[in-house]
Amino acid sequence: MRRNTLVRQLLCAALSVTAAATAMVSTTPAQASTTCSTVSLKAANGLYVTAELGSGYTGADYGMLRARATSVGPWERFEECPLVPYTITLRSEANGLYVTAELGYTGTENGMLVAGMLRA
């Protein structure tokens, strides 16, 4: 249980960068042979976090995370896997890419979370 609490705290901190919101994490076992879980993120506005993969999100905006969905669908599912104590990876199940904080962006996009990295 301690690990799930820590995951929630880390994801809350990460989401506050782009959505200025707290998040709740619900988990279900991804596969019995791994320690990874499928998670969905629900922001303080009551909406689920989506990896934006539609045609309006190209270039630097492809895969950006936004709290906008009223239910969990393919774009709202992420795989969470522990790496070392207190560190996890988060990978979009919709595009198979890992979530990263874009620290090279400037202005309001600095720190934007994007599902856009090939490997952790």
PDB file of N, CA and C in Angstrom:
ATOM      1  N   MET A   1       0.809  -1.193   0.000  1.00  0.00           N
ATOM      2  CA  MET A   1       0.000   0.000   0.000  1.00  0.00           C
ATOM      3  C   MET A   1       0.855   1.261   0.000  1.00  0.00           C
ATOM      4  N   ARG A   2       2.000   1.232   0.686  1.00  0.00           N
ATOM      5  CA  ARG A   2       2.875   2.403   0.741  1.00  0.00           C
ATOM      6  C   ARG A   2       3.286   2.821  -0.658  1.00  0.00           C
ATOM      7  N   ARG A   3       3.562   1.849  -1.552  1.00  0.00           N
ATOM      8  CA  ARG A   3       3.978   2.161  -2.916  1.00  0.00           C
ATOM      9  C   ARG A   3       2.872   2.896  -3.662  1.00  0.00           C
ATOM     10  N   ASN A   4       1.613   2.456  -3.518  1.00  0.00           N
ATOM     11  CA  ASN A   4       0.508   3.134  -4.196  1.00  0.00           C
ATOM     12  C   ASN A   4       0.344   4.561  -3.703  1.00  0.00           C
ATOM     13  N   THR A   5       0.535   4.791  -2.408  1.00  0.00           N
ATOM     14  CA  THR A   5       0.458   6.150  -1.866  1.00  0.00           C
ATOM     15  C   THR A   5       1.558   7.012  -2.458  1.00  0.00           C
ATOM     16  N   LEU A   6       2.771   6.470  -2.552  1.00  0.00           N
ATOM     17  CA  LEU A   6       3.884   7.210  -3.128  1.00  0.00           C
ATOM     18  C   LEU A   6       3.630   7.517  -4.601  1.00  0.00           C
ATOM     19  N   VAL A   7       3.109   6.551  -5.350  1.00  0.00           N
ATOM     20  CA  VAL A   7       2.793   6.768  -6.767  1.00  0.00           C
ATOM     21  C   VAL A   7       1.798   7.902  -6.895  1.00  0.00           C
ATOM     22  N   ARG A   8       0.774   7.911  -6.047  1.00  0.00           N
ATOM     23  CA  ARG A   8      -0.214   8.994  -6.089  1.00  0.00           C
ATOM     24  C   ARG A   8       0.450  10.352  -5.843  1.00  0.00           C
ATOM     25  N   GLN A   9       1.332  10.414  -4.842  1.00  0.00           N
ATOM     26  CA  GLN A   9       2.012  11.673  -4.536  1.00  0.00           C
ATOM     27  C   GLN A   9       2.875  12.137  -5.693  1.00  0.00           C
ATOM     28  N   LEU A  10       3.616  11.220  -6.312  1.00  0.00           N
ATOM     29  CA  LEU A  10       4.470  11.592  -7.438  1.00  0.00           C
ATOM     30  C   LEU A  10       3.646  12.072  -8.621  1.00  0.00           C
ATOM     31  N   LEU A  11       2.547  11.389  -8.915  1.00  0.00           N
ATOM     32  CA  LEU A  11       1.721  11.787 -10.048  1.00  0.00           C
ATOM     33  C   LEU A  11       1.000  13.096  -9.773  1.00  0.00           C
ATOM     34  N   CYS A  12       0.613  13.327  -8.534  1.00  0.00           N
ATOM     35  CA  CYS A  12       0.007  14.613  -8.175  1.00  0.00           C
ATOM     36  C   CYS A  12       0.992  15.741  -8.432  1.00  0.00           C
ATOM     37  N   ALA A  13       2.229  15.555  -8.021  1.00  0.00           N
ATOM     38  CA  ALA A  13       3.252  16.574  -8.223  1.00  0.00           C
ATOM     39  C   ALA A  13       3.500  16.786  -9.709  1.00  0.00           C
ATOM     40  N   ALA A  14       3.570  15.712 -10.485  1.00  0.00           N
ATOM     41  CA  ALA A  14       3.824  15.834 -11.920  1.00  0.00           C
ATOM     42  C   ALA A  14       2.667  16.519 -12.620  1.00  0.00           C
ATOM     43  N   LEU A  15       1.433  16.192 -12.273  1.00  0.00           N
ATOM     44  CA  LEU A  15       0.285  16.801 -12.925  1.00  0.00           C
ATOM     45  C   LEU A  15       0.141  18.269 -12.593  1.00  0.00           C
ATOM     46  N   SER A  16       0.602  18.685 -11.433  1.00  0.00           N
ATOM     47  CA  SER A  16       0.460  20.091 -11.077  1.00  0.00           C
ATOM     48  C   SER A  16       1.273  20.988 -12.002  1.00  0.00           C
ATOM     49  N   VAL A  17       2.244  20.426 -12.712  1.00  0.00           N
ATOM     50  CA  VAL A  17       3.039  21.212 -13.664  1.00  0.00           C
ATOM     51  C   VAL A  17       2.166  21.699 -14.809  1.00  0.00           C
ATOM     52  N   THR A  18       1.270  20.855 -15.332  1.00  0.00           N
ATOM     53  CA  THR A  18       0.494  21.240 -16.497  1.00  0.00           C
ATOM     54  C   THR A  18      -0.967  21.524 -16.210  1.00  0.00           C
ATOM     55  N   ALA A  19      -1.547  20.847 -15.249  1.00  0.00           N
ATOM     56  CA  ALA A  19      -2.977  20.985 -15.050  1.00  0.00           C
ATOM     57  C   ALA A  19      -3.327  21.765 -13.789  1.00  0.00           C
ATOM     58  N   ALA A  20      -2.325  22.126 -12.997  1.00  0.00           N
ATOM     59  CA  ALA A  20      -2.557  22.790 -11.715  1.00  0.00           C
ATOM     60  C   ALA A  20      -3.630  22.036 -10.937  1.00  0.00           C
ATOM     61  N   ALA A  21      -3.505  20.709 -10.925  1.00  0.00           N
ATOM     62  CA  ALA A  21      -4.523  19.868 -10.311  1.00  0.00           C
ATOM     63  C   ALA A  21      -3.870  18.747  -9.538  1.00  0.00           C
ATOM     64  N   THR A  22      -4.626  18.204  -8.605  1.00  0.00           N
ATOM     65  CA  THR A  22      -4.172  16.996  -7.953  1.00  0.00           C
ATOM     66  C   THR A  22      -4.790  15.827  -8.688  1.00  0.00           C
ATOM     67  N   ALA A  23      -4.234  14.656  -8.490  1.00  0.00           N
ATOM     68  CA  ALA A  23      -4.746  13.489  -9.201  1.00  0.00           C
ATOM     69  C   ALA A  23      -4.946  12.340  -8.247  1.00  0.00           C
ATOM     70  N   MET A  24      -5.855  11.459  -8.631  1.00  0.00           N
ATOM     71  CA  MET A  24      -6.032  10.208  -7.924  1.00  0.00           C
ATOM     72  C   MET A  24      -5.657   9.112  -8.908  1.00  0.00           C
ATOM     73  N   VAL A  25      -5.064   8.056  -8.421  1.00  0.00           N
ATOM     74  CA  VAL A  25      -4.647   6.957  -9.279  1.00  0.00           C
ATOM     75  C   VAL A  25      -5.442   5.727  -8.900  1.00  0.00           C
ATOM     76  N   SER A  26      -6.052   5.091  -9.903  1.00  0.00           N
ATOM     77  CA  SER A  26      -6.690   3.803  -9.656  1.00  0.00           C
ATOM     78  C   SER A  26      -5.895   2.760 -10.423  1.00  0.00           C
ATOM     79  N   THR A  27      -5.617   1.647  -9.790  1.00  0.00           N
ATOM     80  CA  THR A  27      -4.771   0.644 -10.426  1.00  0.00           C
ATOM     81  C   THR A  27      -5.487  -0.685 -10.543  1.00  0.00           C
ATOM     82  N   THR A  28      -5.126  -1.413 -11.595  1.00  0.00           N
ATOM     83  CA  THR A  28      -5.543  -2.793 -11.783  1.00  0.00           C
ATOM     84  C   THR A  28      -4.336  -3.550 -12.268  1.00  0.00           C
ATOM     85  N   PRO A  29      -4.200  -4.827 -11.945  1.00  0.00           N
ATOM     86  CA  PRO A  29      -3.018  -5.567 -12.385  1.00  0.00           C
ATOM     87  C   PRO A  29      -2.904  -5.583 -13.905  1.00  0.00           C
ATOM     88  N   ALA A  30      -1.727  -5.243 -14.430  1.00  0.00           N
ATOM     89  CA  ALA A  30      -1.502  -5.261 -15.877  1.00  0.00           C
ATOM     90  C   ALA A  30      -1.271  -6.694 -16.344  1.00  0.00           C
ATOM     91  N   GLN A  31      -0.328  -7.382 -15.735  1.00  0.00           N
ATOM     92  CA  GLN A  31      -0.038  -8.768 -16.073  1.00  0.00           C
ATOM     93  C   GLN A  31       0.491  -9.445 -14.824  1.00  0.00           C
ATOM     94  N   ALA A  32       0.130 -10.691 -14.645  1.00  0.00           N
ATOM     95  CA  ALA A  32       0.566 -11.410 -13.451  1.00  0.00           C
ATOM     96  C   ALA A  32       2.075 -11.601 -13.423  1.00  0.00           C
ATOM     97  N   SER A  33       2.729 -11.619 -14.594  1.00  0.00           N
ATOM     98  CA  SER A  33       4.157 -11.901 -14.646  1.00  0.00           C
ATOM     99  C   SER A  33       5.027 -10.673 -14.415  1.00  0.00           C
ATOM    100  N   THR A  34       4.455  -9.485 -14.263  1.00  0.00           N
ATOM    101  CA  THR A  34       5.231  -8.272 -14.055  1.00  0.00           C
ATOM    102  C   THR A  34       4.722  -7.531 -12.823  1.00  0.00           C
ATOM    103  N   THR A  35       5.444  -6.514 -12.427  1.00  0.00           N
ATOM    104  CA  THR A  35       5.005  -5.677 -11.316  1.00  0.00           C
ATOM    105  C   THR A  35       4.365  -4.393 -11.825  1.00  0.00           C
ATOM    106  N   CYS A  36       4.107  -4.300 -13.101  1.00  0.00           N
ATOM    107  CA  CYS A  36       3.487  -3.111 -13.684  1.00  0.00           C
ATOM    108  C   CYS A  36       1.977  -3.144 -13.471  1.00  0.00           C
ATOM    109  N   SER A  37       1.368  -1.963 -13.491  1.00  0.00           N
ATOM    110  CA  SER A  37      -0.078  -1.829 -13.350  1.00  0.00           C
ATOM    111  C   SER A  37      -0.602  -0.889 -14.418  1.00  0.00           C
ATOM    112  N   THR A  38      -1.848  -1.085 -14.807  1.00  0.00           N
ATOM    113  CA  THR A  38      -2.524  -0.130 -15.671  1.00  0.00           C
ATOM    114  C   THR A  38      -3.189   0.891 -14.765  1.00  0.00           C
ATOM    115  N   VAL A  39      -2.945   2.172 -15.042  1.00  0.00           N
ATOM    116  CA  VAL A  39      -3.503   3.244 -14.221  1.00  0.00           C
ATOM    117  C   VAL A  39      -4.236   4.242 -15.089  1.00  0.00           C
ATOM    118  N   SER A  40      -5.181   4.938 -14.473  1.00  0.00           N
ATOM    119  CA  SER A  40      -5.803   6.107 -15.085  1.00  0.00           C
ATOM    120  C   SER A  40      -5.681   7.223 -14.063  1.00  0.00           C
ATOM    121  N   LEU A  41      -5.566   8.433 -14.536  1.00  0.00           N
ATOM    122  CA  LEU A  41      -5.346   9.590 -13.673  1.00  0.00           C
ATOM    123  C   LEU A  41      -6.583  10.473 -13.706  1.00  0.00           C
ATOM    124  N   LYS A  42      -7.099  10.796 -12.537  1.00  0.00           N
ATOM    125  CA  LYS A  42      -8.262  11.672 -12.453  1.00  0.00           C
ATOM    126  C   LYS A  42      -7.845  12.955 -11.760  1.00  0.00           C
ATOM    127  N   ALA A  43      -8.017  14.070 -12.428  1.00  0.00           N
ATOM    128  CA  ALA A  43      -7.578  15.372 -11.912  1.00  0.00           C
ATOM    129  C   ALA A  43      -8.628  15.970 -10.985  1.00  0.00           C
ATOM    130  N   ALA A  44      -8.258  17.048 -10.305  1.00  0.00           N
ATOM    131  CA  ALA A  44      -9.144  17.720  -9.358  1.00  0.00           C
ATOM    132  C   ALA A  44     -10.407  18.254 -10.025  1.00  0.00           C
ATOM    133  N   ASN A  45     -10.357  18.483 -11.347  1.00  0.00           N
ATOM    134  CA  ASN A  45     -11.551  18.961 -12.046  1.00  0.00           C
ATOM    135  C   ASN A  45     -12.535  17.826 -12.326  1.00  0.00           C
ATOM    136  N   GLY A  46     -12.211  16.593 -11.870  1.00  0.00           N
ATOM    137  CA  GLY A  46     -13.105  15.456 -12.042  1.00  0.00           C
ATOM    138  C   GLY A  46     -12.965  14.749 -13.373  1.00  0.00           C
ATOM    139  N   LEU A  47     -12.015  15.184 -14.197  1.00  0.00           N
ATOM    140  CA  LEU A  47     -11.834  14.597 -15.518  1.00  0.00           C
ATOM    141  C   LEU A  47     -10.579  13.739 -15.558  1.00  0.00           C
ATOM    142  N   TYR A  48     -10.572  12.767 -16.470  1.00  0.00           N
ATOM    143  CA  TYR A  48      -9.428  11.869 -16.617  1.00  0.00           C
ATOM    144  C   TYR A  48      -8.383  12.473 -17.552  1.00  0.00           C
ATOM    145  N   VAL A  49      -7.127  12.168 -17.260  1.00  0.00           N
ATOM    146  CA  VAL A  49      -6.012  12.673 -18.055  1.00  0.00           C
ATOM    147  C   VAL A  49      -5.922  11.876 -19.343  1.00  0.00           C
ATOM    148  N   THR A  50      -5.802  12.603 -20.453  1.00  0.00           N
ATOM    149  CA  THR A  50      -5.737  12.040 -21.798  1.00  0.00           C
ATOM    150  C   THR A  50      -4.379  12.329 -22.419  1.00  0.00           C
ATOM    151  N   ALA A  51      -3.817  11.349 -23.123  1.00  0.00           N
ATOM    152  CA  ALA A  51      -2.654  11.594 -23.984  1.00  0.00           C
ATOM    153  C   ALA A  51      -3.222  12.022 -25.323  1.00  0.00           C
ATOM    154  N   GLU A  52      -3.007  13.272 -25.694  1.00  0.00           N
ATOM    155  CA  GLU A  52      -3.605  13.828 -26.911  1.00  0.00           C
ATOM    156  C   GLU A  52      -2.887  13.313 -28.156  1.00  0.00           C
ATOM    157  N   LEU A  53      -3.575  12.466 -28.921  1.00  0.00           N
ATOM    158  CA  LEU A  53      -2.986  11.833 -30.102  1.00  0.00           C
ATOM    159  C   LEU A  53      -3.727  12.191 -31.379  1.00  0.00           C
ATOM    160  N   GLY A  54      -4.760  13.010 -31.294  1.00  0.00           N
ATOM    161  CA  GLY A  54      -5.574  13.360 -32.454  1.00  0.00           C
ATOM    162  C   GLY A  54      -4.851  14.263 -33.441  1.00  0.00           C
ATOM    163  N   SER A  55      -5.501  14.511 -34.558  1.00  0.00           N
ATOM    164  CA  SER A  55      -4.882  15.278 -35.649  1.00  0.00           C
ATOM    165  C   SER A  55      -4.565  16.719 -35.254  1.00  0.00           C
ATOM    166  N   GLY A  56      -5.241  17.270 -34.268  1.00  0.00           N
ATOM    167  CA  GLY A  56      -4.958  18.634 -33.825  1.00  0.00           C
ATOM    168  C   GLY A  56      -3.713  18.740 -32.967  1.00  0.00           C
ATOM    169  N   TYR A  57      -3.130  17.601 -32.623  1.00  0.00           N
ATOM    170  CA  TYR A  57      -1.965  17.579 -31.741  1.00  0.00           C
ATOM    171  C   TYR A  57      -0.791  16.961 -32.484  1.00  0.00           C
ATOM    172  N   THR A  58      -0.056  17.814 -33.167  1.00  0.00           N
ATOM    173  CA  THR A  58       1.094  17.359 -33.939  1.00  0.00           C
ATOM    174  C   THR A  58       2.338  18.065 -33.426  1.00  0.00           C
ATOM    175  N   GLY A  59       3.471  17.667 -33.912  1.00  0.00           N
ATOM    176  CA  GLY A  59       4.723  18.307 -33.515  1.00  0.00           C
ATOM    177  C   GLY A  59       4.946  18.218 -32.024  1.00  0.00           C
ATOM    178  N   ALA A  60       5.293  19.336 -31.403  1.00  0.00           N
ATOM    179  CA  ALA A  60       5.610  19.367 -29.972  1.00  0.00           C
ATOM    180  C   ALA A  60       4.393  19.067 -29.104  1.00  0.00           C
ATOM    181  N   ASP A  61       3.183  19.243 -29.628  1.00  0.00           N
ATOM    182  CA  ASP A  61       1.974  18.982 -28.845  1.00  0.00           C
ATOM    183  C   ASP A  61       1.520  17.528 -28.908  1.00  0.00           C
ATOM    184  N   TYR A  62       2.094  16.712 -29.787  1.00  0.00           N
ATOM    185  CA  TYR A  62       1.685  15.317 -29.906  1.00  0.00           C
ATOM    186  C   TYR A  62       1.938  14.584 -28.593  1.00  0.00           C
ATOM    187  N   GLY A  63       0.932  13.948 -28.062  1.00  0.00           N
ATOM    188  CA  GLY A  63       1.061  13.176 -26.836  1.00  0.00           C
ATOM    189  C   GLY A  63       0.961  13.991 -25.557  1.00  0.00           C
ATOM    190  N   MET A  64       0.687  15.306 -25.665  1.00  0.00           N
ATOM    191  CA  MET A  64       0.581  16.116 -24.444  1.00  0.00           C
ATOM    192  C   MET A  64      -0.543  15.581 -23.569  1.00  0.00           C
ATOM    193  N   LEU A  65      -0.383  15.712 -22.260  1.00  0.00           N
ATOM    194  CA  LEU A  65      -1.378  15.219 -21.326  1.00  0.00           C
ATOM    195  C   LEU A  65      -2.296  16.359 -20.909  1.00  0.00           C
ATOM    196  N   ARG A  66      -3.623  16.077 -20.983  1.00  0.00           N
ATOM    197  CA  ARG A  66      -4.633  17.062 -20.569  1.00  0.00           C
ATOM    198  C   ARG A  66      -5.729  16.348 -19.802  1.00  0.00           C
ATOM    199  N   ALA A  67      -6.261  16.971 -18.768  1.00  0.00           N
ATOM    200  CA  ALA A  67      -7.377  16.413 -18.002  1.00  0.00           C
ATOM    201  C   ALA A  67      -8.664  16.886 -18.657  1.00  0.00           C
ATOM    202  N   ARG A  68      -9.240  16.032 -19.549  1.00  0.00           N
ATOM    203  CA  ARG A  68     -10.426  16.458 -20.290  1.00  0.00           C
ATOM    204  C   ARG A  68     -11.466  15.369 -20.512  1.00  0.00           C
ATOM    205  N   ALA A  69     -11.171  14.111 -20.215  1.00  0.00           N
ATOM    206  CA  ALA A  69     -12.093  13.020 -20.533  1.00  0.00           C
ATOM    207  C   ALA A  69     -13.046  12.742 -19.370  1.00  0.00           C
ATOM    208  N   THR A  70     -14.305  12.444 -19.708  1.00  0.00           N
ATOM    209  CA  THR A  70     -15.296  12.122 -18.680  1.00  0.00           C
ATOM    210  C   THR A  70     -15.300  10.638 -18.321  1.00  0.00           C
ATOM    211  N   SER A  71     -14.644   9.807 -19.135  1.00  0.00           N
ATOM    212  CA  SER A  71     -14.539   8.379 -18.842  1.00  0.00           C
ATOM    213  C   SER A  71     -13.186   7.873 -19.337  1.00  0.00           C
ATOM    214  N   VAL A  72     -12.836   6.670 -18.927  1.00  0.00           N
ATOM    215  CA  VAL A  72     -11.551   6.085 -19.302  1.00  0.00           C
ATOM    216  C   VAL A  72     -11.711   5.308 -20.598  1.00  0.00           C
ATOM    217  N   GLY A  73     -10.939   5.717 -21.597  1.00  0.00           N
ATOM    218  CA  GLY A  73     -10.869   5.021 -22.873  1.00  0.00           C
ATOM    219  C   GLY A  73      -9.417   4.706 -23.171  1.00  0.00           C
ATOM    220  N   PRO A  74      -9.092   4.332 -24.405  1.00  0.00           N
ATOM    221  CA  PRO A  74      -7.715   3.965 -24.746  1.00  0.00           C
ATOM    222  C   PRO A  74      -6.688   5.072 -24.495  1.00  0.00           C
ATOM    223  N   TRP A  75      -7.063   6.328 -24.704  1.00  0.00           N
ATOM    224  CA  TRP A  75      -6.108   7.425 -24.546  1.00  0.00           C
ATOM    225  C   TRP A  75      -5.918   7.815 -23.081  1.00  0.00           C
ATOM    226  N   GLU A  76      -6.707   7.239 -22.185  1.00  0.00           N
ATOM    227  CA  GLU A  76      -6.632   7.570 -20.759  1.00  0.00           C
ATOM    228  C   GLU A  76      -6.001   6.449 -19.927  1.00  0.00           C
ATOM    229  N   ARG A  77      -5.393   5.495 -20.584  1.00  0.00           N
ATOM    230  CA  ARG A  77      -4.762   4.377 -19.866  1.00  0.00           C
ATOM    231  C   ARG A  77      -3.246   4.484 -19.971  1.00  0.00           C
ATOM    232  N   PHE A  78      -2.592   4.279 -18.833  1.00  0.00           N
ATOM    233  CA  PHE A  78      -1.143   4.342 -18.751  1.00  0.00           C
ATOM    234  C   PHE A  78      -0.632   3.109 -18.018  1.00  0.00           C
ATOM    235  N   GLU A  79       0.555   2.669 -18.387  1.00  0.00           N
ATOM    236  CA  GLU A  79       1.203   1.573 -17.675  1.00  0.00           C
ATOM    237  C   GLU A  79       2.212   2.185 -16.723  1.00  0.00           C
ATOM    238  N   GLU A  80       2.101   1.837 -15.452  1.00  0.00           N
ATOM    239  CA  GLU A  80       3.005   2.335 -14.414  1.00  0.00           C
ATOM    240  C   GLU A  80       3.872   1.177 -13.959  1.00  0.00           C
ATOM    241  N   CYS A  81       5.197   1.369 -14.008  1.00  0.00           N
ATOM    242  CA  CYS A  81       6.138   0.322 -13.592  1.00  0.00           C
ATOM    243  C   CYS A  81       7.185   0.929 -12.664  1.00  0.00           C
ATOM    244  N   PRO A  82       7.469   0.243 -11.559  1.00  0.00           N
ATOM    245  CA  PRO A  82       8.533   0.731 -10.677  1.00  0.00           C
ATOM    246  C   PRO A  82       9.901   0.485 -11.302  1.00  0.00           C
ATOM    247  N   LEU A  83      10.812   1.428 -11.130  1.00  0.00           N
ATOM    248  CA  LEU A  83      12.194   1.260 -11.587  1.00  0.00           C
ATOM    249  C   LEU A  83      13.091   0.930 -10.404  1.00  0.00           C
ATOM    250  N   VAL A  84      13.200   1.843  -9.505  1.00  0.00           N
ATOM    251  CA  VAL A  84      13.955   1.701  -8.261  1.00  0.00           C
ATOM    252  C   VAL A  84      13.065   2.292  -7.181  1.00  0.00           C
ATOM    253  N   PRO A  85      13.408   2.141  -5.922  1.00  0.00           N
ATOM    254  CA  PRO A  85      12.552   2.745  -4.892  1.00  0.00           C
ATOM    255  C   PRO A  85      12.259   4.216  -5.182  1.00  0.00           C
ATOM    256  N   TYR A  86      10.994   4.583  -5.069  1.00  0.00           N
ATOM    257  CA  TYR A  86      10.503   5.956  -5.225  1.00  0.00           C
ATOM    258  C   TYR A  86      10.582   6.488  -6.657  1.00  0.00           C
ATOM    259  N   THR A  87      10.764   5.610  -7.641  1.00  0.00           N
ATOM    260  CA  THR A  87      10.811   6.030  -9.045  1.00  0.00           C
ATOM    261  C   THR A  87       9.947   5.096  -9.878  1.00  0.00           C
ATOM    262  N   ILE A  88       9.132   5.667 -10.753  1.00  0.00           N
ATOM    263  CA  ILE A  88       8.292   4.871 -11.642  1.00  0.00           C
ATOM    264  C   ILE A  88       8.455   5.352 -13.076  1.00  0.00           C
ATOM    265  N   THR A  89       8.029   4.517 -14.013  1.00  0.00           N
ATOM    266  CA  THR A  89       7.844   4.972 -15.383  1.00  0.00           C
ATOM    267  C   THR A  89       6.349   5.011 -15.635  1.00  0.00           C
ATOM    268  N   LEU A  90       5.932   5.885 -16.513  1.00  0.00           N
ATOM    269  CA  LEU A  90       4.540   6.001 -16.922  1.00  0.00           C
ATOM    270  C   LEU A  90       4.545   5.979 -18.441  1.00  0.00           C
ATOM    271  N   ARG A  91       3.853   4.989 -19.032  1.00  0.00           N
ATOM    272  CA  ARG A  91       3.835   4.821 -20.481  1.00  0.00           C
ATOM    273  C   ARG A  91       2.402   4.819 -20.967  1.00  0.00           C
ATOM    274  N   SER A  92       2.115   5.620 -21.999  1.00  0.00           N
ATOM    275  CA  SER A  92       0.782   5.651 -22.579  1.00  0.00           C
ATOM    276  C   SER A  92       0.507   4.321 -23.264  1.00  0.00           C
ATOM    277  N   GLU A  93      -0.627   3.714 -22.933  1.00  0.00           N
ATOM    278  CA  GLU A  93      -0.993   2.472 -23.610  1.00  0.00           C
ATOM    279  C   GLU A  93      -1.510   2.757 -25.021  1.00  0.00           C
ATOM    280  N   ALA A  94      -1.917   3.989 -25.299  1.00  0.00           N
ATOM    281  CA  ALA A  94      -2.454   4.336 -26.612  1.00  0.00           C
ATOM    282  C   ALA A  94      -1.377   4.423 -27.688  1.00  0.00           C
ATOM    283  N   ASN A  95      -0.224   5.016 -27.356  1.00  0.00           N
ATOM    284  CA  ASN A  95       0.833   5.136 -28.372  1.00  0.00           C
ATOM    285  C   ASN A  95       2.116   4.402 -27.989  1.00  0.00           C
ATOM    286  N   GLY A  96       2.152   3.805 -26.804  1.00  0.00           N
ATOM    287  CA  GLY A  96       3.327   3.035 -26.386  1.00  0.00           C
ATOM    288  C   GLY A  96       4.528   3.863 -25.990  1.00  0.00           C
ATOM    289  N   LEU A  97       4.359   5.175 -25.854  1.00  0.00           N
ATOM    290  CA  LEU A  97       5.475   6.062 -25.522  1.00  0.00           C
ATOM    291  C   LEU A  97       5.434   6.479 -24.062  1.00  0.00           C
ATOM    292  N   TYR A  98       6.626   6.716 -23.491  1.00  0.00           N
ATOM    293  CA  TYR A  98       6.760   7.081 -22.092  1.00  0.00           C
ATOM    294  C   TYR A  98       6.482   8.563 -21.876  1.00  0.00           C
ATOM    295  N   VAL A  99       5.943   8.887 -20.708  1.00  0.00           N
ATOM    296  CA  VAL A  99       5.646  10.265 -20.333  1.00  0.00           C
ATOM    297  C   VAL A  99       6.920  10.927 -19.824  1.00  0.00           C
ATOM    298  N   THR A 100       7.182  12.114 -20.341  1.00  0.00           N
ATOM    299  CA  THR A 100       8.331  12.901 -19.914  1.00  0.00           C
ATOM    300  C   THR A 100       7.888  14.335 -19.651  1.00  0.00           C
ATOM    301  N   ALA A 101       8.649  15.047 -18.851  1.00  0.00           N
ATOM    302  CA  ALA A 101       8.436  16.478 -18.643  1.00  0.00           C
ATOM    303  C   ALA A 101       9.345  17.204 -19.615  1.00  0.00           C
ATOM    304  N   GLU A 102       8.777  18.027 -20.466  1.00  0.00           N
ATOM    305  CA  GLU A 102       9.546  18.737 -21.494  1.00  0.00           C
ATOM    306  C   GLU A 102      10.196  19.976 -20.891  1.00  0.00           C
ATOM    307  N   LEU A 103      11.404  19.809 -20.405  1.00  0.00           N
ATOM    308  CA  LEU A 103      12.102  20.900 -19.732  1.00  0.00           C
ATOM    309  C   LEU A 103      12.814  21.831 -20.703  1.00  0.00           C
ATOM    310  N   GLY A 104      12.938  21.448 -21.958  1.00  0.00           N
ATOM    311  CA  GLY A 104      13.565  22.303 -22.955  1.00  0.00           C
ATOM    312  C   GLY A 104      12.601  23.308 -23.566  1.00  0.00           C
ATOM    313  N   TYR A 105      11.298  23.149 -23.296  1.00  0.00           N
ATOM    314  CA  TYR A 105      10.306  24.085 -23.815  1.00  0.00           C
ATOM    315  C   TYR A 105      10.393  25.395 -23.045  1.00  0.00           C
ATOM    316  N   THR A 106       9.916  26.471 -23.650  1.00  0.00           N
ATOM    317  CA  THR A 106       9.960  27.779 -22.998  1.00  0.00           C
ATOM    318  C   THR A 106       8.554  28.243 -22.661  1.00  0.00           C
ATOM    319  N   GLY A 107       8.476  29.276 -21.859  1.00  0.00           N
ATOM    320  CA  GLY A 107       7.191  29.879 -21.507  1.00  0.00           C
ATOM    321  C   GLY A 107       6.278  28.927 -20.760  1.00  0.00           C
ATOM    322  N   THR A 108       4.982  29.008 -21.065  1.00  0.00           N
ATOM    323  CA  THR A 108       3.994  28.198 -20.358  1.00  0.00           C
ATOM    324  C   THR A 108       4.095  26.716 -20.694  1.00  0.00           C
ATOM    325  N   GLU A 109       4.806  26.358 -21.762  1.00  0.00           N
ATOM    326  CA  GLU A 109       4.950  24.951 -22.126  1.00  0.00           C
ATOM    327  C   GLU A 109       6.118  24.272 -21.410  1.00  0.00           C
ATOM    328  N   ASN A 110       6.942  25.042 -20.696  1.00  0.00           N
ATOM    329  CA  ASN A 110       8.054  24.465 -19.965  1.00  0.00           C
ATOM    330  C   ASN A 110       7.523  23.505 -18.905  1.00  0.00           C
ATOM    331  N   GLY A 111       8.026  22.284 -18.895  1.00  0.00           N
ATOM    332  CA  GLY A 111       7.573  21.272 -17.942  1.00  0.00           C
ATOM    333  C   GLY A 111       6.334  20.529 -18.364  1.00  0.00           C
ATOM    334  N   MET A 112       5.799  20.826 -19.557  1.00  0.00           N
ATOM    335  CA  MET A 112       4.603  20.137 -20.046  1.00  0.00           C
ATOM    336  C   MET A 112       4.856  18.642 -20.094  1.00  0.00           C
ATOM    337  N   LEU A 113       3.893  17.842 -19.629  1.00  0.00           N
ATOM    338  CA  LEU A 113       4.020  16.403 -19.681  1.00  0.00           C
ATOM    339  C   LEU A 113       3.554  15.905 -21.040  1.00  0.00           C
ATOM    340  N   VAL A 114       4.363  15.039 -21.662  1.00  0.00           N
ATOM    341  CA  VAL A 114       4.088  14.535 -22.997  1.00  0.00           C
ATOM    342  C   VAL A 114       4.384  13.049 -23.040  1.00  0.00           C
ATOM    343  N   ALA A 115       3.477  12.271 -23.642  1.00  0.00           N
ATOM    344  CA  ALA A 115       3.736  10.843 -23.890  1.00  0.00           C
ATOM    345  C   ALA A 115       4.444  10.781 -25.233  1.00  0.00           C
ATOM    346  N   GLY A 116       5.781  10.910 -25.212  1.00  0.00           N
ATOM    347  CA  GLY A 116       6.498  11.022 -26.456  1.00  0.00           C
ATOM    348  C   GLY A 116       7.904  10.463 -26.483  1.00  0.00           C
ATOM    349  N   MET A 117       8.270   9.664 -25.497  1.00  0.00           N
ATOM    350  CA  MET A 117       9.632   9.117 -25.457  1.00  0.00           C
ATOM    351  C   MET A 117       9.607   7.616 -25.711  1.00  0.00           C
ATOM    352  N   LEU A 118      10.526   7.133 -26.543  1.00  0.00           N
ATOM    353  CA  LEU A 118      10.530   5.721 -26.917  1.00  0.00           C
ATOM    354  C   LEU A 118      10.875   4.777 -25.793  1.00  0.00           C
ATOM    355  N   ARG A 119      11.793   5.149 -24.919  1.00  0.00           N
ATOM    356  CA  ARG A 119      12.152   4.266 -23.813  1.00  0.00           C
ATOM    357  C   ARG A 119      12.465   5.057 -22.563  1.00  0.00           C
ATOM    358  N   ALA A 120      12.310   4.361 -21.444  1.00  0.00           N
ATOM    359  CA  ALA A 120      12.543   5.017 -20.147  1.00  0.00           C
ATOM    360  C   ALA A 120      14.017   5.088 -19.849  1.00  0.00           C
TER     361      ALA A 120
END
